[in-house]
C-alpha atoms as a PDB file:
ATOM      1  CA  MET A   1       4.701  26.671  -5.445  1.00  0.00           C
ATOM      2  CA  ASN A   2       3.801  23.083  -7.144  1.00  0.00           C
ATOM      3  CA  GLN A   3       1.945  20.436  -5.350  1.00  0.00           C
ATOM      4  CA  TYR A   4       3.544  16.935  -4.987  1.00  0.00           C
ATOM      5  CA  GLU A   5       2.830  13.405  -3.996  1.00  0.00           C
ATOM      6  CA  THR A   6       5.291  11.051  -2.798  1.00  0.00           C
ATOM      7  CA  VAL A   7       4.659   7.403  -2.306  1.00  0.00           C
ATOM      8  CA  ILE A   8       7.245   5.501  -0.121  1.00  0.00           C
ATOM      9  CA  VAL A   9       7.382   1.704   0.136  1.00  0.00           C
ATOM     10  CA  LEU A  10       9.078   0.303   3.130  1.00  0.00           C
ATOM     11  CA  THR A  11      10.636  -2.838   3.682  1.00  0.00           C
ATOM     12  CA  PRO A  12       7.988  -5.513   5.231  1.00  0.00           C
ATOM     13  CA  LEU A  13      10.801  -6.530   7.919  1.00  0.00           C
ATOM     14  CA  LEU A  14      10.071  -3.484   9.945  1.00  0.00           C
ATOM     15  CA  SER A  15       7.646  -3.638  13.228  1.00  0.00           C
ATOM     16  CA  GLU A  16       4.847  -1.162  12.838  1.00  0.00           C
ATOM     17  CA  GLU A  17       6.323   1.274  15.129  1.00  0.00           C
ATOM     18  CA  VAL A  18       9.870   1.310  13.513  1.00  0.00           C
ATOM     19  CA  ALA A  19       7.664   1.911  10.123  1.00  0.00           C
ATOM     20  CA  LYS A  20       5.965   4.650  11.596  1.00  0.00           C
ATOM     21  CA  GLU A  21       9.048   6.175  12.923  1.00  0.00           C
ATOM     22  CA  ALA A  22      10.677   6.176   9.355  1.00  0.00           C
ATOM     23  CA  ILE A  23       7.605   7.912   7.906  1.00  0.00           C
ATOM     24  CA  ALA A  24       7.690  10.623  10.553  1.00  0.00           C
ATOM     25  CA  LYS A  25      11.408  10.914   9.580  1.00  0.00           C
ATOM     26  CA  PHE A  26      10.337  12.046   5.974  1.00  0.00           C
ATOM     27  CA  THR A  27       7.508  13.735   7.046  1.00  0.00           C
ATOM     28  CA  ASN A  28       9.648  16.011   9.338  1.00  0.00           C
ATOM     29  CA  ILE A  29      12.112  16.576   6.317  1.00  0.00           C
ATOM     30  CA  ILE A  30       8.923  17.759   4.417  1.00  0.00           C
ATOM     31  CA  LYS A  31       7.903  20.422   7.167  1.00  0.00           C
ATOM     32  CA  ASP A  32      11.413  21.300   7.941  1.00  0.00           C
ATOM     33  CA  GLY A  33      11.769  22.430   4.354  1.00  0.00           C
ATOM     34  CA  GLY A  34       9.006  24.726   4.565  1.00  0.00           C
ATOM     35  CA  ALA A  35       6.275  22.733   2.833  1.00  0.00           C
ATOM     36  CA  GLU A  36       2.900  22.354   3.460  1.00  0.00           C
ATOM     37  CA  ILE A  37       1.359  18.949   4.106  1.00  0.00           C
ATOM     38  CA  ILE A  38      -1.953  18.703   2.272  1.00  0.00           C
ATOM     39  CA  ALA A  39      -2.793  14.948   3.169  1.00  0.00           C
ATOM     40  CA  GLU A  40      -1.159  11.872   4.321  1.00  0.00           C
ATOM     41  CA  ASP A  41      -2.633   8.130   3.831  1.00  0.00           C
ATOM     42  CA  ASN A  42      -1.131   5.243   5.239  1.00  0.00           C
ATOM     43  CA  TRP A  43      -1.997   2.132   3.296  1.00  0.00           C
ATOM     44  CA  GLY A  44      -0.363  -0.425   5.468  1.00  0.00           C
ATOM     45  CA  LEU A  45       1.039  -3.703   4.625  1.00  0.00           C
ATOM     46  CA  ARG A  46       0.296  -4.617   0.914  1.00  0.00           C
ATOM     47  CA  LYS A  47       1.437  -7.350  -1.577  1.00  0.00           C
ATOM     48  CA  LEU A  48       3.912  -5.861  -4.208  1.00  0.00           C
ATOM     49  CA  ALA A  49       3.209  -6.333  -7.758  1.00  0.00           C
ATOM     50  CA  TYR A  50       6.474  -8.218  -8.230  1.00  0.00           C
ATOM     51  CA  PRO A  51       9.349  -9.017  -5.604  1.00  0.00           C
ATOM     52  CA  ILE A  52      11.817  -6.382  -4.740  1.00  0.00           C
ATOM     53  CA  GLU A  53      14.763  -7.699  -2.884  1.00  0.00           C
ATOM     54  CA  LYS A  54      13.080 -11.080  -2.607  1.00  0.00           C
ATOM     55  CA  LYS A  55      10.248  -9.395  -0.743  1.00  0.00           C
ATOM     56  CA  ALA A  56       6.741  -9.683  -1.861  1.00  0.00           C
ATOM     57  CA  ASN A  57       5.129  -7.364   0.782  1.00  0.00           C
ATOM     58  CA  GLY A  58       5.870  -3.695   1.687  1.00  0.00           C
ATOM     59  CA  PHE A  59       4.539  -0.710   4.135  1.00  0.00           C
ATOM     60  CA  PHE A  60       3.018   1.815   1.773  1.00  0.00           C
ATOM     61  CA  HIS A  61       2.569   5.540   2.614  1.00  0.00           C
ATOM     62  CA  LEU A  62       1.470   8.419   0.670  1.00  0.00           C
ATOM     63  CA  THR A  63       2.053  12.034   1.392  1.00  0.00           C
ATOM     64  CA  GLU A  64       0.710  15.188  -0.451  1.00  0.00           C
ATOM     65  CA  TYR A  65       2.295  18.399   0.184  1.00  0.00           C
ATOM     66  CA  LYS A  66       2.808  21.857  -1.507  1.00  0.00           C
ATOM     67  CA  THR A  67       6.339  23.070  -1.906  1.00  0.00           C
ATOM     68  CA  GLY A  68       9.001  24.357  -4.381  1.00  0.00           C
ATOM     69  CA  GLY A  69      11.231  21.879  -6.302  1.00  0.00           C
ATOM     70  CA  GLU A  70      14.334  22.090  -4.388  1.00  0.00           C
ATOM     71  CA  LEU A  71      12.944  20.231  -1.193  1.00  0.00           C
ATOM     72  CA  VAL A  72      11.929  17.285  -3.490  1.00  0.00           C
ATOM     73  CA  SER A  73      15.415  16.593  -4.345  1.00  0.00           C
ATOM     74  CA  LYS A  74      16.672  17.025  -0.876  1.00  0.00           C
ATOM     75  CA  LEU A  75      13.788  14.523   0.295  1.00  0.00           C
ATOM     76  CA  GLU A  76      14.591  11.865  -2.695  1.00  0.00           C
ATOM     77  CA  LEU A  77      18.255  12.134  -1.532  1.00  0.00           C
ATOM     78  CA  GLU A  78      17.372  11.025   2.253  1.00  0.00           C
ATOM     79  CA  LEU A  79      14.916   8.333   0.719  1.00  0.00           C
ATOM     80  CA  LYS A  80      17.902   6.873  -1.348  1.00  0.00           C
ATOM     81  CA  ARG A  81      20.186   6.913   1.658  1.00  0.00           C
ATOM     82  CA  ASP A  82      17.856   4.911   4.009  1.00  0.00           C
ATOM     83  CA  GLU A  83      18.018   1.177   4.008  1.00  0.00           C
ATOM     84  CA  ARG A  84      14.462   0.658   4.918  1.00  0.00           C
ATOM     85  CA  VAL A  85      12.956   2.224   1.815  1.00  0.00           C
ATOM     86  CA  LEU A  86      12.362  -0.393  -0.911  1.00  0.00           C
ATOM     87  CA  ARG A  87      10.992   2.155  -3.333  1.00  0.00           C
ATOM     88  CA  PHE A  88       9.694   5.587  -3.690  1.00  0.00           C
ATOM     89  CA  LEU A  89       7.916   7.673  -6.243  1.00  0.00           C
ATOM     90  CA  THR A  90       7.489  11.630  -6.374  1.00  0.00           C
ATOM     91  CA  VAL A  91       5.001  13.177  -8.929  1.00  0.00           C
ATOM     92  CA  ARG A  92       4.143  16.714  -9.540  1.00  0.00           C
ATOM     93  CA  LEU A  93       0.435  17.058  -9.763  1.00  0.00           C
ATOM     94  CA  ASP A  94      -1.232  18.955 -12.412  1.00  0.00           C
ATOM     95  CA  ARG A  95      -4.334  21.141 -11.708  1.00  0.00           C
ATOM     96  CA  HIS A  96      -6.459  18.049 -12.846  1.00  0.00           C
ATOM     97  CA  ALA A  97      -4.763  15.857 -10.360  1.00  0.00           C
ATOM     98  CA  VAL A  98      -5.091  18.180  -7.558  1.00  0.00           C
ATOM     99  CA  ALA A  99      -9.084  18.565  -8.213  1.00  0.00           C
ATOM    100  CA  TYR A 100      -9.448  14.789  -8.372  1.00  0.00           C
ATOM    101  CA  ASN A 101      -7.524  14.539  -4.997  1.00  0.00           C
ATOM    102  CA  GLU A 102      -9.764  17.268  -3.302  1.00  0.00           C
ATOM    103  CA  LYS A 103     -12.865  15.231  -4.696  1.00  0.00           C
ATOM    104  CA  LYS A 104     -11.664  11.978  -3.092  1.00  0.00           C
ATOM    105  CA  ARG A 105     -10.687  13.440   0.137  1.00  0.00           C
ATOM    106  CA  SER A 106     -14.205  15.073   0.341  1.00  0.00           C
ATOM    107  CA  GLY A 107     -15.814  11.654  -0.248  1.00  0.00           C
ATOM    108  CA  ALA A 108     -17.503  12.554  -3.679  1.00  0.00           C
ATOM    109  CA  PHE A 109     -16.634   9.194  -5.227  1.00  0.00           C
ATOM    110  CA  ASN A 110     -17.813   7.192  -2.340  1.00  0.00           C
ATOM    111  CA  LYS A 111     -21.582   8.242  -2.307  1.00  0.00           C
ATOM    112  CA  LYS A 112     -23.908   5.585  -3.039  1.00  0.00           C
ATOM    113  CA  PRO A 113     -27.183   6.345  -4.967  1.00  0.00           C
ATOM    114  CA  LYS A 114     -30.334   6.439  -3.102  1.00  0.00           C
ATOM    115  CA  LYS A 115     -32.837   3.489  -3.153  1.00  0.00           C
ATOM    116  CA  GLU A 116     -35.579   5.210  -4.773  1.00  0.00           C
ATOM    117  CA  GLU A 117     -32.793   6.533  -7.741  1.00  0.00           C
ATOM    118  CA  ALA A 118     -31.648   3.174  -8.071  1.00  0.00           C
ATOM    119  CA  ALA A 119     -35.131   1.897  -8.570  1.00  0.00           C
ATOM    120  CA  ALA A 120     -35.979   4.188 -11.288  1.00  0.00           C
END
């Protein structure tokens, strides 16, 4: 089983509830396909690097999951068919990316040095 992460950008014209509903639809596709969801991160409404379909913002959502490759093609087909999706990107994670994501989730990068260590 490989580990994947998918970032979905939804159109900003959706309400918060409809955006959550769309994300739930894709999460259910992942779960129903027998995948194990490792982490989900809703980034909310963010500015795009460049306009897509004359829209400057989008709702971003990241899902990290473990599955075989056949589910990814099914998920991407559903993402392509949904008009609410502006863009999506699915990446298979190697062992270094998996280790990095585990450290990030555990908060290893958020630790601030103690005051006496910073003064030394």
